[in-house]
N, C-alpha and C. Protein backbone atom coordinates (compact mmCIF):
# COMPACT_ATOMS: atom_id res chain seq x y z
N MET A 1 -13.09 30.36 -14.56
CA MET A 1 -14.21 31.12 -13.56
C MET A 1 -13.36 32.78 -13.99
N THR A 2 -14.23 33.45 -13.62
CA THR A 2 -14.07 34.53 -14.00
C THR A 2 -12.88 35.38 -13.15
N ARG A 3 -12.44 36.63 -13.93
CA ARG A 3 -11.36 37.29 -13.55
C ARG A 3 -11.65 38.57 -13.70
N ILE A 4 -11.56 39.65 -12.45
CA ILE A 4 -11.60 40.76 -12.84
C ILE A 4 -10.27 41.28 -12.84
N GLY A 5 -10.38 42.73 -13.57
CA GLY A 5 -9.03 43.20 -13.55
C GLY A 5 -8.82 44.85 -13.34
N TYR A 6 -8.04 45.63 -12.77
CA TYR A 6 -8.47 46.91 -12.38
C TYR A 6 -7.56 47.84 -13.23
N ALA A 7 -8.55 48.91 -13.71
CA ALA A 7 -8.43 49.93 -14.67
C ALA A 7 -7.90 51.28 -13.99
N ALA A 8 -6.23 51.44 -14.43
CA ALA A 8 -5.78 52.14 -13.84
C ALA A 8 -5.40 53.62 -14.49
N MET A 9 -6.91 54.56 -14.27
CA MET A 9 -7.45 55.67 -14.63
C MET A 9 -6.60 57.12 -14.37
N LEU A 10 -5.14 56.81 -15.42
CA LEU A 10 -4.29 58.56 -15.14
C LEU A 10 -4.97 59.75 -15.45
N GLU A 11 -6.29 59.62 -16.26
CA GLU A 11 -7.20 60.52 -16.28
C GLU A 11 -7.68 61.24 -15.24
N GLN A 12 -7.90 60.41 -14.15
CA GLN A 12 -8.48 60.60 -13.04
C GLN A 12 -7.89 60.87 -11.33
N PHE A 13 -6.61 59.97 -11.58
CA PHE A 13 -5.61 59.82 -10.38
C PHE A 13 -4.27 59.94 -10.72
N HIS A 14 -3.86 60.57 -9.29
CA HIS A 14 -2.40 61.43 -9.52
C HIS A 14 -1.51 59.88 -9.49
N PRO A 15 -0.46 60.10 -10.83
CA PRO A 15 0.11 58.67 -10.53
C PRO A 15 0.66 58.07 -9.69
N THR A 16 1.20 59.06 -8.72
CA THR A 16 1.73 58.39 -6.96
C THR A 16 0.41 57.55 -6.51
N ASP A 17 -0.58 58.36 -6.38
CA ASP A 17 -1.51 57.76 -6.13
C ASP A 17 -1.97 55.97 -6.46
N LEU A 18 -2.02 56.26 -7.80
CA LEU A 18 -2.25 54.66 -8.31
C LEU A 18 -1.58 53.37 -8.08
N LEU A 19 0.23 54.27 -8.08
CA LEU A 19 1.31 53.16 -7.63
C LEU A 19 0.73 52.60 -6.37
N ASP A 20 -0.20 53.46 -5.49
CA ASP A 20 -0.80 52.89 -4.26
C ASP A 20 -2.06 51.83 -4.39
N TYR A 21 -2.92 52.86 -5.68
CA TYR A 21 -3.98 51.70 -5.51
C TYR A 21 -3.91 50.07 -6.57
N CYS A 22 -2.97 50.19 -7.43
CA CYS A 22 -2.71 48.95 -7.90
C CYS A 22 -2.24 47.97 -7.38
N PRO A 23 -1.40 47.98 -6.57
CA PRO A 23 -0.65 46.63 -5.57
C PRO A 23 -1.99 46.43 -4.92
N ALA A 24 -2.61 47.47 -3.82
CA ALA A 24 -3.60 47.48 -3.13
C ALA A 24 -4.62 46.44 -4.01
N ALA A 25 -5.22 46.54 -5.01
CA ALA A 25 -6.48 46.15 -5.87
C ALA A 25 -5.47 44.39 -5.85
N GLU A 26 -4.55 44.39 -6.30
CA GLU A 26 -3.57 42.97 -6.73
C GLU A 26 -4.19 42.42 -5.27
N ASP A 27 -3.63 42.82 -4.08
CA ASP A 27 -3.93 42.17 -2.70
C ASP A 27 -4.99 41.95 -2.30
N ALA A 28 -6.28 42.64 -2.91
CA ALA A 28 -7.40 42.54 -3.13
C ALA A 28 -8.16 41.11 -3.65
N GLY A 29 -7.17 40.44 -4.87
CA GLY A 29 -8.12 39.72 -5.62
C GLY A 29 -7.97 40.00 -7.11
N PHE A 30 -8.02 41.30 -7.43
CA PHE A 30 -8.30 41.44 -9.12
C PHE A 30 -6.98 41.05 -9.12
N SER A 31 -7.49 40.13 -10.47
CA SER A 31 -6.53 38.99 -10.74
C SER A 31 -5.93 39.26 -12.27
N ALA A 32 -6.99 40.22 -13.08
CA ALA A 32 -6.65 40.10 -14.47
C ALA A 32 -5.62 40.39 -14.94
N GLY A 33 -5.18 41.56 -14.31
CA GLY A 33 -4.46 42.41 -14.51
C GLY A 33 -4.96 44.03 -14.51
N PHE A 34 -3.64 44.77 -15.03
CA PHE A 34 -4.08 46.26 -15.10
C PHE A 34 -4.15 47.04 -16.63
N MET A 35 -5.32 47.73 -16.95
CA MET A 35 -5.45 48.27 -18.23
C MET A 35 -5.07 49.87 -17.50
N VAL A 36 -3.76 50.18 -18.29
CA VAL A 36 -3.68 51.78 -18.17
C VAL A 36 -4.20 52.55 -19.14
N SER A 37 -4.85 53.81 -19.08
CA SER A 37 -5.16 54.35 -19.95
C SER A 37 -4.08 55.09 -20.38
N GLU A 38 -3.90 55.88 -21.65
CA GLU A 38 -3.06 56.39 -22.44
C GLU A 38 -3.33 57.35 -22.70
N HIS A 39 -3.67 58.46 -22.25
CA HIS A 39 -4.42 59.93 -22.31
C HIS A 39 -3.56 61.28 -22.30
N PHE A 40 -3.64 62.02 -23.30
CA PHE A 40 -3.21 63.54 -23.11
C PHE A 40 -3.53 64.49 -21.87
N HIS A 41 -5.12 64.20 -22.61
CA HIS A 41 -6.11 65.02 -21.84
C HIS A 41 -7.21 63.99 -20.95
N PRO A 42 -7.70 64.54 -19.84
CA PRO A 42 -8.68 64.04 -19.06
C PRO A 42 -9.90 63.76 -20.11
N TRP A 43 -10.88 63.16 -19.80
CA TRP A 43 -12.23 62.64 -20.28
C TRP A 43 -12.65 64.33 -19.86
N THR A 44 -12.54 64.85 -18.93
CA THR A 44 -13.58 66.32 -18.71
C THR A 44 -12.57 67.16 -17.65
N PRO A 45 -12.34 67.96 -17.62
CA PRO A 45 -11.62 69.38 -17.03
C PRO A 45 -11.70 68.78 -15.42
N GLN A 46 -12.58 68.60 -15.52
CA GLN A 46 -13.06 68.13 -13.66
C GLN A 46 -12.13 66.86 -13.09
N GLN A 47 -11.48 66.10 -14.13
CA GLN A 47 -11.11 64.73 -13.62
C GLN A 47 -9.84 65.41 -13.03
N GLY A 48 -9.21 66.26 -13.68
CA GLY A 48 -7.88 67.13 -13.25
C GLY A 48 -6.78 66.19 -13.39
N GLN A 49 -6.45 65.11 -13.78
CA GLN A 49 -5.12 64.27 -14.10
C GLN A 49 -4.99 64.08 -15.71
N SER A 50 -3.51 63.73 -15.74
CA SER A 50 -3.40 62.81 -17.15
C SER A 50 -1.70 63.02 -17.51
N ALA A 51 -1.25 61.90 -16.46
CA ALA A 51 0.06 61.45 -16.52
C ALA A 51 0.36 60.91 -17.63
N PHE A 52 1.70 60.58 -18.10
CA PHE A 52 2.18 59.90 -19.21
C PHE A 52 2.38 58.74 -18.97
N ALA A 53 1.55 57.37 -19.14
CA ALA A 53 1.54 55.90 -19.50
C ALA A 53 2.61 55.45 -19.57
N TRP A 54 3.43 55.92 -20.08
CA TRP A 54 4.77 55.22 -20.81
C TRP A 54 5.37 54.72 -19.29
N ALA A 55 5.79 56.54 -19.02
CA ALA A 55 6.45 56.23 -17.78
C ALA A 55 5.90 55.44 -16.39
N PHE A 56 4.62 55.86 -16.03
CA PHE A 56 3.71 55.31 -14.87
C PHE A 56 4.08 53.56 -15.52
N MET A 57 4.26 53.11 -16.58
CA MET A 57 4.21 51.52 -16.29
C MET A 57 5.58 51.16 -16.64
N GLY A 58 6.41 51.64 -16.20
CA GLY A 58 7.56 51.31 -15.32
C GLY A 58 7.60 50.86 -14.48
N ALA A 59 6.80 52.19 -13.43
CA ALA A 59 6.72 51.95 -12.13
C ALA A 59 6.05 50.65 -11.79
N LEU A 60 4.67 50.77 -12.37
CA LEU A 60 4.03 49.84 -12.11
C LEU A 60 3.80 48.62 -12.08
N GLY A 61 5.23 47.95 -13.42
CA GLY A 61 5.30 46.70 -13.35
C GLY A 61 6.79 46.12 -12.18
N THR A 62 7.18 47.22 -11.35
CA THR A 62 7.94 46.93 -10.04
C THR A 62 7.10 46.74 -8.95
N ARG A 63 5.86 47.49 -9.22
CA ARG A 63 5.36 47.28 -7.71
C ARG A 63 4.29 46.28 -7.50
N THR A 64 4.10 45.81 -9.13
CA THR A 64 2.85 44.20 -8.97
C THR A 64 3.62 43.48 -9.48
N THR A 65 2.65 42.57 -9.60
CA THR A 65 3.29 40.75 -10.60
C THR A 65 2.31 40.91 -11.33
N LEU A 66 1.30 41.44 -11.54
CA LEU A 66 0.18 41.05 -12.55
C LEU A 66 0.30 42.03 -13.92
N PRO A 67 0.04 40.57 -15.01
CA PRO A 67 0.19 41.52 -16.68
C PRO A 67 -0.73 43.31 -16.50
N PHE A 68 -0.18 43.68 -17.72
CA PHE A 68 -0.25 45.49 -17.92
C PHE A 68 -0.08 45.73 -18.88
N GLY A 69 -0.97 46.89 -19.27
CA GLY A 69 -0.67 47.03 -20.54
C GLY A 69 -1.60 48.84 -20.58
N THR A 70 -1.69 48.83 -22.42
CA THR A 70 -2.30 49.98 -22.23
C THR A 70 -3.54 49.72 -23.09
N GLY A 71 -4.58 50.88 -22.43
CA GLY A 71 -6.41 50.42 -23.28
C GLY A 71 -6.51 52.29 -23.61
N VAL A 72 -6.46 52.59 -24.88
CA VAL A 72 -5.50 51.71 -25.13
C VAL A 72 -4.34 53.20 -25.90
N ALA A 73 -3.06 52.95 -27.19
CA ALA A 73 -2.31 53.52 -27.36
C ALA A 73 -2.83 54.19 -28.79
N CYS A 74 -2.55 55.45 -29.46
CA CYS A 74 -2.89 55.24 -30.97
C CYS A 74 -1.62 55.88 -31.13
N PRO A 75 -1.35 54.66 -32.51
CA PRO A 75 0.01 55.14 -33.07
C PRO A 75 -0.22 56.15 -34.17
N GLY A 76 0.80 56.97 -34.61
CA GLY A 76 0.58 57.63 -35.44
C GLY A 76 0.46 59.11 -35.51
N PHE A 77 0.16 59.23 -34.37
CA PHE A 77 -0.42 61.09 -34.36
C PHE A 77 0.92 61.87 -33.12
N ARG A 78 0.83 61.21 -31.72
CA ARG A 78 1.63 61.66 -31.06
C ARG A 78 3.11 60.81 -31.05
N TYR A 79 2.86 59.43 -31.66
CA TYR A 79 4.02 58.65 -31.36
C TYR A 79 3.73 58.59 -32.84
N HIS A 80 5.36 58.25 -33.77
CA HIS A 80 5.38 57.34 -34.92
C HIS A 80 5.05 55.95 -34.39
N PRO A 81 5.03 55.14 -34.68
CA PRO A 81 4.54 53.60 -34.68
C PRO A 81 6.11 52.71 -34.27
N ALA A 82 7.36 53.63 -34.98
CA ALA A 82 8.26 53.07 -34.14
C ALA A 82 8.97 53.63 -32.61
N VAL A 83 7.90 54.80 -32.57
CA VAL A 83 7.89 54.75 -30.97
C VAL A 83 7.43 54.18 -29.93
N ILE A 84 6.34 53.48 -30.43
CA ILE A 84 5.50 52.88 -29.76
C ILE A 84 6.19 51.11 -29.52
N ALA A 85 6.65 51.25 -30.87
CA ALA A 85 6.97 49.37 -31.00
C ALA A 85 7.87 49.75 -29.54
N HIS A 86 9.12 50.98 -29.63
CA HIS A 86 10.60 51.16 -29.14
C HIS A 86 10.04 50.94 -27.41
N ALA A 87 8.34 51.76 -27.43
CA ALA A 87 8.50 52.04 -25.51
C ALA A 87 8.13 50.05 -25.27
N ALA A 88 6.84 49.54 -26.00
CA ALA A 88 6.55 48.39 -25.70
C ALA A 88 7.28 47.45 -25.94
N ALA A 89 8.31 47.39 -26.79
CA ALA A 89 9.83 46.33 -26.53
C ALA A 89 10.28 46.37 -24.88
N THR A 90 10.61 48.02 -24.85
CA THR A 90 11.69 47.65 -23.82
C THR A 90 11.01 47.52 -22.36
N LEU A 91 9.39 47.61 -22.34
CA LEU A 91 8.18 47.04 -21.46
C LEU A 91 8.51 45.39 -21.54
N GLY A 92 8.47 45.27 -22.55
CA GLY A 92 8.11 43.32 -22.62
C GLY A 92 9.83 43.50 -22.23
N ALA A 93 10.98 43.57 -22.17
CA ALA A 93 11.78 43.12 -22.34
C ALA A 93 12.10 43.38 -20.36
N MET A 94 11.86 44.03 -19.60
CA MET A 94 11.74 44.61 -18.53
C MET A 94 11.06 43.49 -17.31
N PHE A 95 10.09 43.15 -18.36
CA PHE A 95 8.93 42.61 -17.21
C PHE A 95 8.30 41.47 -18.28
N PRO A 96 9.19 40.74 -18.56
CA PRO A 96 8.79 39.41 -19.59
C PRO A 96 7.43 38.75 -19.37
N GLY A 97 6.40 38.27 -19.72
CA GLY A 97 5.09 37.96 -20.29
C GLY A 97 4.48 38.29 -19.36
N ARG A 98 4.74 39.79 -19.19
CA ARG A 98 3.33 40.56 -18.66
C ARG A 98 2.90 41.70 -19.26
N PHE A 99 3.55 42.16 -20.35
CA PHE A 99 3.01 43.63 -20.70
C PHE A 99 2.73 42.96 -22.26
N TRP A 100 1.19 43.99 -22.15
CA TRP A 100 0.53 43.85 -23.50
C TRP A 100 0.14 44.87 -23.97
N LEU A 101 0.21 44.86 -25.66
CA LEU A 101 -0.13 46.00 -26.38
C LEU A 101 -1.40 46.89 -26.33
N GLY A 102 -2.10 47.27 -26.13
CA GLY A 102 -3.45 47.81 -26.29
C GLY A 102 -3.36 48.89 -27.77
N LEU A 103 -3.44 48.67 -28.86
CA LEU A 103 -3.81 49.72 -29.67
C LEU A 103 -5.07 50.46 -30.23
N GLY A 104 -5.39 51.22 -31.10
CA GLY A 104 -6.36 52.13 -31.41
C GLY A 104 -6.31 53.16 -32.54
N ALA A 105 -7.57 53.74 -32.84
CA ALA A 105 -7.41 54.54 -34.27
C ALA A 105 -7.32 55.59 -33.29
N GLY A 106 -6.99 55.74 -31.99
CA GLY A 106 -7.14 57.45 -31.54
C GLY A 106 -8.50 58.32 -31.78
N GLU A 107 -8.49 58.86 -30.73
CA GLU A 107 -9.34 59.95 -30.18
C GLU A 107 -9.04 61.79 -30.48
N ALA A 108 -9.83 62.42 -30.82
CA ALA A 108 -9.55 63.74 -30.94
C ALA A 108 -9.10 64.50 -29.77
N LEU A 109 -9.59 63.96 -28.73
CA LEU A 109 -9.65 64.61 -27.88
C LEU A 109 -7.85 65.00 -26.88
N ASN A 110 -7.38 63.58 -27.41
CA ASN A 110 -5.70 63.56 -27.22
C ASN A 110 -5.10 63.60 -27.96
N GLU A 111 -5.47 63.06 -29.64
CA GLU A 111 -4.67 63.34 -31.06
C GLU A 111 -4.16 64.60 -31.14
N HIS A 112 -5.29 65.67 -31.13
CA HIS A 112 -4.91 66.44 -31.63
C HIS A 112 -4.04 67.53 -31.41
N VAL A 113 -3.56 67.61 -30.47
CA VAL A 113 -2.47 68.09 -30.08
C VAL A 113 -1.79 69.01 -30.48
N ILE A 114 -1.23 68.17 -31.59
CA ILE A 114 0.07 68.22 -32.16
C ILE A 114 -0.78 68.80 -33.30
N GLY A 115 -1.68 69.53 -33.78
CA GLY A 115 -2.39 70.15 -34.71
C GLY A 115 -2.45 69.09 -36.01
N GLY A 116 -3.15 70.02 -37.09
CA GLY A 116 -3.25 69.78 -38.62
C GLY A 116 -5.25 69.13 -37.94
N VAL A 117 -5.24 68.64 -39.31
CA VAL A 117 -6.27 68.45 -40.02
C VAL A 117 -7.05 67.02 -38.76
N TRP A 118 -7.78 66.33 -38.27
CA TRP A 118 -8.82 65.22 -37.65
C TRP A 118 -9.10 64.56 -38.95
N PRO A 119 -8.56 63.39 -39.07
CA PRO A 119 -9.26 62.52 -40.42
C PRO A 119 -10.09 61.81 -39.95
N GLU A 120 -10.91 61.35 -41.20
CA GLU A 120 -12.18 60.56 -41.31
C GLU A 120 -11.23 58.64 -40.27
N ILE A 121 -12.50 58.10 -40.23
CA ILE A 121 -12.15 56.83 -39.42
C ILE A 121 -11.90 55.72 -40.46
N GLY A 122 -12.10 56.20 -41.37
CA GLY A 122 -11.53 55.29 -42.32
C GLY A 122 -10.02 54.93 -42.66
N VAL A 123 -9.50 56.81 -42.91
CA VAL A 123 -8.20 56.97 -42.70
C VAL A 123 -7.43 56.55 -41.46
N ARG A 124 -7.87 57.32 -40.14
CA ARG A 124 -7.32 56.43 -39.01
C ARG A 124 -7.54 54.88 -38.60
N SER A 125 -8.40 54.52 -39.28
CA SER A 125 -8.19 52.47 -39.45
C SER A 125 -6.54 52.37 -40.25
N ALA A 126 -6.94 53.07 -41.07
CA ALA A 126 -5.70 52.62 -42.39
C ALA A 126 -4.26 52.87 -42.02
N MET A 127 -4.37 54.01 -40.83
CA MET A 127 -3.34 54.52 -40.17
C MET A 127 -2.73 53.43 -39.30
N LEU A 128 -3.60 52.98 -38.59
CA LEU A 128 -3.42 51.88 -37.42
C LEU A 128 -3.65 50.67 -38.26
N PHE A 129 -3.46 49.85 -39.38
CA PHE A 129 -3.31 48.94 -39.38
C PHE A 129 -1.92 49.34 -40.26
N GLU A 130 -1.55 50.00 -40.83
CA GLU A 130 0.18 50.50 -41.27
C GLU A 130 0.89 50.14 -40.44
N SER A 131 0.07 51.13 -39.23
CA SER A 131 1.35 51.69 -37.87
C SER A 131 1.28 49.49 -37.14
N ILE A 132 0.52 49.05 -37.47
CA ILE A 132 1.04 47.24 -36.71
C ILE A 132 1.30 46.55 -37.69
N GLU A 133 2.10 46.89 -38.86
CA GLU A 133 2.64 46.59 -39.63
C GLU A 133 4.10 46.45 -39.58
N ILE A 134 4.33 47.97 -39.41
CA ILE A 134 5.50 48.82 -39.01
C ILE A 134 5.84 47.97 -37.75
N ILE A 135 5.20 47.92 -36.64
CA ILE A 135 5.45 47.79 -35.31
C ILE A 135 5.73 46.41 -35.61
N ASN A 136 5.10 45.47 -35.97
CA ASN A 136 5.31 43.89 -35.92
C ASN A 136 6.71 43.77 -36.72
N LYS A 137 7.34 44.23 -37.85
CA LYS A 137 8.71 44.54 -38.40
C LYS A 137 9.82 44.85 -37.60
N LEU A 138 9.52 45.79 -36.78
CA LEU A 138 10.57 45.84 -35.60
C LEU A 138 10.67 45.26 -34.90
N PHE A 139 9.48 44.07 -34.30
CA PHE A 139 9.18 43.60 -33.20
C PHE A 139 10.69 42.70 -33.71
N THR A 140 10.91 41.34 -34.97
CA THR A 140 12.06 40.56 -35.57
C THR A 140 13.05 41.10 -34.97
N GLY A 141 13.72 42.54 -34.67
CA GLY A 141 14.56 42.35 -34.52
C GLY A 141 15.23 43.02 -35.72
N ALA A 142 15.19 42.92 -37.20
CA ALA A 142 15.69 43.13 -37.95
C ALA A 142 16.18 44.65 -38.31
N VAL A 143 16.64 45.22 -38.98
CA VAL A 143 16.72 46.70 -40.18
C VAL A 143 15.39 47.03 -40.61
N ILE A 144 14.94 47.78 -40.16
CA ILE A 144 14.01 48.09 -41.30
C ILE A 144 13.74 49.54 -41.79
N ARG A 145 13.11 49.18 -43.23
CA ARG A 145 13.23 50.56 -43.93
C ARG A 145 11.06 50.38 -44.62
N HIS A 146 10.94 51.58 -44.43
CA HIS A 146 9.18 51.34 -44.88
C HIS A 146 9.07 52.57 -45.45
N ARG A 147 8.18 52.34 -46.75
CA ARG A 147 7.80 54.01 -47.34
C ARG A 147 5.90 53.36 -47.64
N GLY A 148 5.33 53.75 -46.54
CA GLY A 148 4.00 53.12 -47.01
C GLY A 148 2.87 54.65 -47.50
N GLU A 149 1.62 54.54 -47.32
CA GLU A 149 0.72 55.16 -47.48
C GLU A 149 0.81 56.34 -46.16
N HIS A 150 0.90 56.47 -45.20
CA HIS A 150 1.22 57.39 -44.39
C HIS A 150 2.24 57.63 -43.70
N PHE A 151 3.22 56.17 -43.39
CA PHE A 151 4.41 56.50 -42.40
C PHE A 151 5.35 56.19 -43.36
N ALA A 152 6.82 56.74 -43.14
CA ALA A 152 8.39 55.86 -43.72
C ALA A 152 9.15 55.39 -42.10
N LEU A 153 9.49 54.75 -42.72
CA LEU A 153 10.56 54.45 -41.78
C LEU A 153 12.36 53.97 -42.16
N GLU A 154 13.20 54.41 -41.70
CA GLU A 154 14.57 54.67 -42.35
C GLU A 154 15.78 53.88 -41.50
N SER A 155 15.85 52.18 -41.86
CA SER A 155 16.85 51.48 -41.37
C SER A 155 16.82 52.19 -40.00
N ALA A 156 15.71 51.00 -39.15
CA ALA A 156 15.86 51.35 -37.83
C ALA A 156 15.61 50.00 -36.96
N LYS A 157 16.23 49.37 -36.21
CA LYS A 157 15.97 48.48 -35.41
C LYS A 157 16.01 48.60 -34.33
N LEU A 158 15.17 47.51 -33.62
CA LEU A 158 14.91 47.76 -31.71
C LEU A 158 16.14 46.65 -31.34
N TYR A 159 17.03 46.94 -30.88
CA TYR A 159 17.99 46.54 -30.02
C TYR A 159 17.45 45.33 -28.65
N THR A 160 16.81 46.39 -28.11
CA THR A 160 16.44 45.62 -27.05
C THR A 160 14.88 45.18 -27.23
N ARG A 161 14.60 43.90 -26.59
CA ARG A 161 13.46 43.04 -27.13
C ARG A 161 13.61 41.99 -25.91
N PRO A 162 12.00 41.89 -26.35
CA PRO A 162 11.94 40.51 -25.41
C PRO A 162 12.33 39.48 -25.26
N GLU A 163 12.63 38.27 -24.99
CA GLU A 163 13.42 36.99 -25.33
C GLU A 163 12.29 36.27 -26.20
N VAL A 164 10.90 36.55 -26.31
CA VAL A 164 10.04 35.53 -26.66
C VAL A 164 9.78 36.41 -27.93
N CYS A 165 9.90 37.37 -28.58
CA CYS A 165 9.90 38.05 -29.60
C CYS A 165 11.42 37.49 -30.32
N LYS A 166 12.59 37.50 -29.60
CA LYS A 166 13.66 36.66 -30.29
C LYS A 166 13.34 35.19 -30.84
N ASP A 167 12.66 34.70 -30.00
CA ASP A 167 12.97 32.81 -30.31
C ASP A 167 11.80 32.67 -31.01
N GLN A 168 10.75 33.47 -31.46
CA GLN A 168 9.97 33.52 -32.69
C GLN A 168 9.54 34.09 -33.41
N ARG A 169 10.89 34.57 -33.94
CA ARG A 169 10.79 35.96 -34.57
C ARG A 169 10.12 35.22 -36.19
N ASP A 170 10.12 34.82 -36.83
CA ASP A 170 8.92 34.02 -37.79
C ASP A 170 7.87 33.28 -37.76
N LYS A 171 7.36 33.26 -36.48
CA LYS A 171 6.78 32.57 -35.94
C LYS A 171 5.06 33.36 -35.76
N CYS A 172 4.03 32.98 -36.72
CA CYS A 172 3.04 33.96 -36.60
C CYS A 172 1.57 32.63 -36.31
N VAL A 173 0.86 33.31 -35.35
CA VAL A 173 0.20 32.96 -34.21
C VAL A 173 -1.48 33.71 -34.31
N LYS A 174 -2.54 33.00 -34.70
CA LYS A 174 -3.68 33.33 -33.78
C LYS A 174 -3.75 33.43 -32.55
N MET A 175 -5.25 34.08 -32.53
CA MET A 175 -5.86 34.41 -31.10
C MET A 175 -5.87 32.90 -30.41
N GLY A 176 -4.96 33.48 -29.34
CA GLY A 176 -4.90 32.47 -28.32
C GLY A 176 -5.93 32.82 -26.90
N ARG A 177 -5.66 32.18 -25.49
CA ARG A 177 -6.46 32.21 -24.52
C ARG A 177 -5.80 33.80 -23.92
N ALA A 178 -4.71 33.96 -23.38
CA ALA A 178 -4.47 35.21 -23.54
C ALA A 178 -4.93 36.10 -24.15
N PHE A 179 -5.20 36.22 -25.24
CA PHE A 179 -5.46 37.20 -26.56
C PHE A 179 -7.48 37.41 -25.93
N LYS A 180 -7.92 36.54 -25.80
CA LYS A 180 -8.88 36.43 -25.78
C LYS A 180 -9.69 37.35 -24.44
N ALA A 181 -8.74 37.29 -23.35
CA ALA A 181 -8.51 37.64 -21.86
C ALA A 181 -8.48 39.19 -21.82
N ALA A 182 -7.49 39.31 -22.72
CA ALA A 182 -7.03 40.98 -22.93
C ALA A 182 -8.16 41.47 -24.06
N ALA A 183 -8.78 41.04 -25.06
CA ALA A 183 -9.95 41.55 -25.99
C ALA A 183 -11.11 41.74 -25.08
N GLN A 184 -11.65 41.02 -23.91
CA GLN A 184 -12.50 41.13 -23.20
C GLN A 184 -11.82 42.26 -22.80
N PHE A 185 -10.88 42.53 -22.07
CA PHE A 185 -10.35 43.33 -21.32
C PHE A 185 -10.39 44.75 -21.59
N ILE A 186 -10.12 44.93 -22.94
CA ILE A 186 -10.13 46.57 -23.42
C ILE A 186 -11.38 46.78 -24.64
N PRO A 187 -12.38 47.63 -23.87
CA PRO A 187 -13.69 47.86 -24.57
C PRO A 187 -13.87 48.30 -25.76
N LYS A 188 -12.59 48.80 -26.33
CA LYS A 188 -12.60 49.01 -27.99
C LYS A 188 -11.23 49.13 -28.45
N GLY A 189 -10.73 48.92 -29.81
CA GLY A 189 -9.88 48.91 -30.28
C GLY A 189 -9.01 47.54 -31.11
N ILE A 190 -7.76 47.84 -30.69
CA ILE A 190 -7.03 46.65 -31.36
C ILE A 190 -6.05 46.32 -30.14
N VAL A 191 -6.32 44.71 -29.54
CA VAL A 191 -5.29 44.26 -28.91
C VAL A 191 -4.00 43.33 -28.70
N SER A 192 -2.91 43.83 -28.63
CA SER A 192 -1.84 42.64 -29.77
C SER A 192 -0.94 42.12 -27.89
N PRO A 193 -1.36 41.14 -27.18
CA PRO A 193 -0.51 40.37 -25.98
C PRO A 193 0.68 40.04 -26.88
N ILE A 194 1.41 41.21 -27.20
CA ILE A 194 2.79 40.95 -28.13
C ILE A 194 3.96 40.03 -27.30
N PHE A 195 4.17 40.06 -26.31
CA PHE A 195 5.09 39.48 -25.72
C PHE A 195 4.94 37.78 -24.84
N ASN A 196 3.78 37.47 -25.50
CA ASN A 196 2.95 35.94 -25.64
C ASN A 196 3.05 35.28 -26.53
N PHE A 197 2.60 36.18 -27.71
CA PHE A 197 2.38 36.10 -29.43
C PHE A 197 2.79 37.07 -30.03
N VAL A 198 3.52 36.24 -30.64
CA VAL A 198 4.19 37.34 -31.86
C VAL A 198 3.10 37.58 -33.14
N ILE A 199 2.96 38.43 -33.57
CA ILE A 199 1.86 38.55 -34.56
C ILE A 199 2.69 39.08 -35.86
N THR A 200 2.75 38.83 -36.79
CA THR A 200 3.49 39.13 -37.84
C THR A 200 2.39 39.88 -38.67
N GLN A 201 0.89 39.47 -39.12
CA GLN A 201 0.08 40.31 -39.87
C GLN A 201 -1.31 40.71 -39.21
N ALA A 202 -1.51 41.50 -39.96
CA ALA A 202 -2.59 42.60 -39.28
C ALA A 202 -3.71 41.62 -39.62
N LEU A 203 -4.11 40.70 -40.23
CA LEU A 203 -5.16 39.63 -39.95
C LEU A 203 -5.18 38.80 -39.32
N ASP A 204 -3.71 38.98 -38.47
CA ASP A 204 -4.39 38.10 -36.80
C ASP A 204 -4.16 38.83 -35.82
N VAL A 205 -4.48 40.11 -35.62
CA VAL A 205 -5.03 40.73 -34.60
C VAL A 205 -6.50 41.08 -35.05
N VAL A 206 -6.65 41.04 -33.55
CA VAL A 206 -8.49 40.69 -33.38
C VAL A 206 -8.70 41.98 -32.88
N THR A 207 -9.93 42.51 -33.70
CA THR A 207 -10.31 43.72 -32.86
C THR A 207 -11.28 43.07 -31.97
N ALA A 208 -11.30 44.04 -30.37
CA ALA A 208 -11.81 43.83 -29.87
C ALA A 208 -13.40 44.27 -29.71
N ALA A 209 -13.47 45.29 -30.30
CA ALA A 209 -15.28 46.58 -30.63
C ALA A 209 -14.82 46.92 -32.05
N ARG A 210 -15.00 48.25 -31.36
CA ARG A 210 -14.86 49.27 -32.52
C ARG A 210 -13.31 49.70 -33.10
N VAL A 211 -13.30 50.34 -34.11
CA VAL A 211 -11.92 50.75 -33.67
C VAL A 211 -12.34 52.37 -34.64
């Protein structure tokens, strides 16, 4: 049976309004969950909004019962991958089995704000996959040190994590039914329903479309 989700477009609506719209969508029969846009800027100034998605999702989880996640967040520019892992692990712990993490290679619209050169897609894709490696390492709960081409991490450990991460620490699983549903829901980027499936290799991440 086809299920339809609701796109919580923070670049178009005030977050307080969306906290009313999302439960209303669930009550109306939208059953696939909520895709939360993670923008610094709106697509056009006329849209007039661009709230902080990570704060919004904490409130969204308390107002709804369906799965939700980012569509999509970019690790590596505004956020170090460790910060993304920290935020995702916290939401996963707060809302077990409901939060999924959508990752992408980024858009200049949002990521240019920190300054510097905007790299070509090949470089950004390499940064994305190195970010996935770091995030997955942190999800294991071990103390992680990383020295890569694009990122460094020194003695980092996630103390607050979802139980499923703790239970499946060394398990690597392929794309499952929830992964397919999430991949269809996200128009582009990389989707990892990390708190239903612990993915420990970048090769097990499925590209929903282009990155």
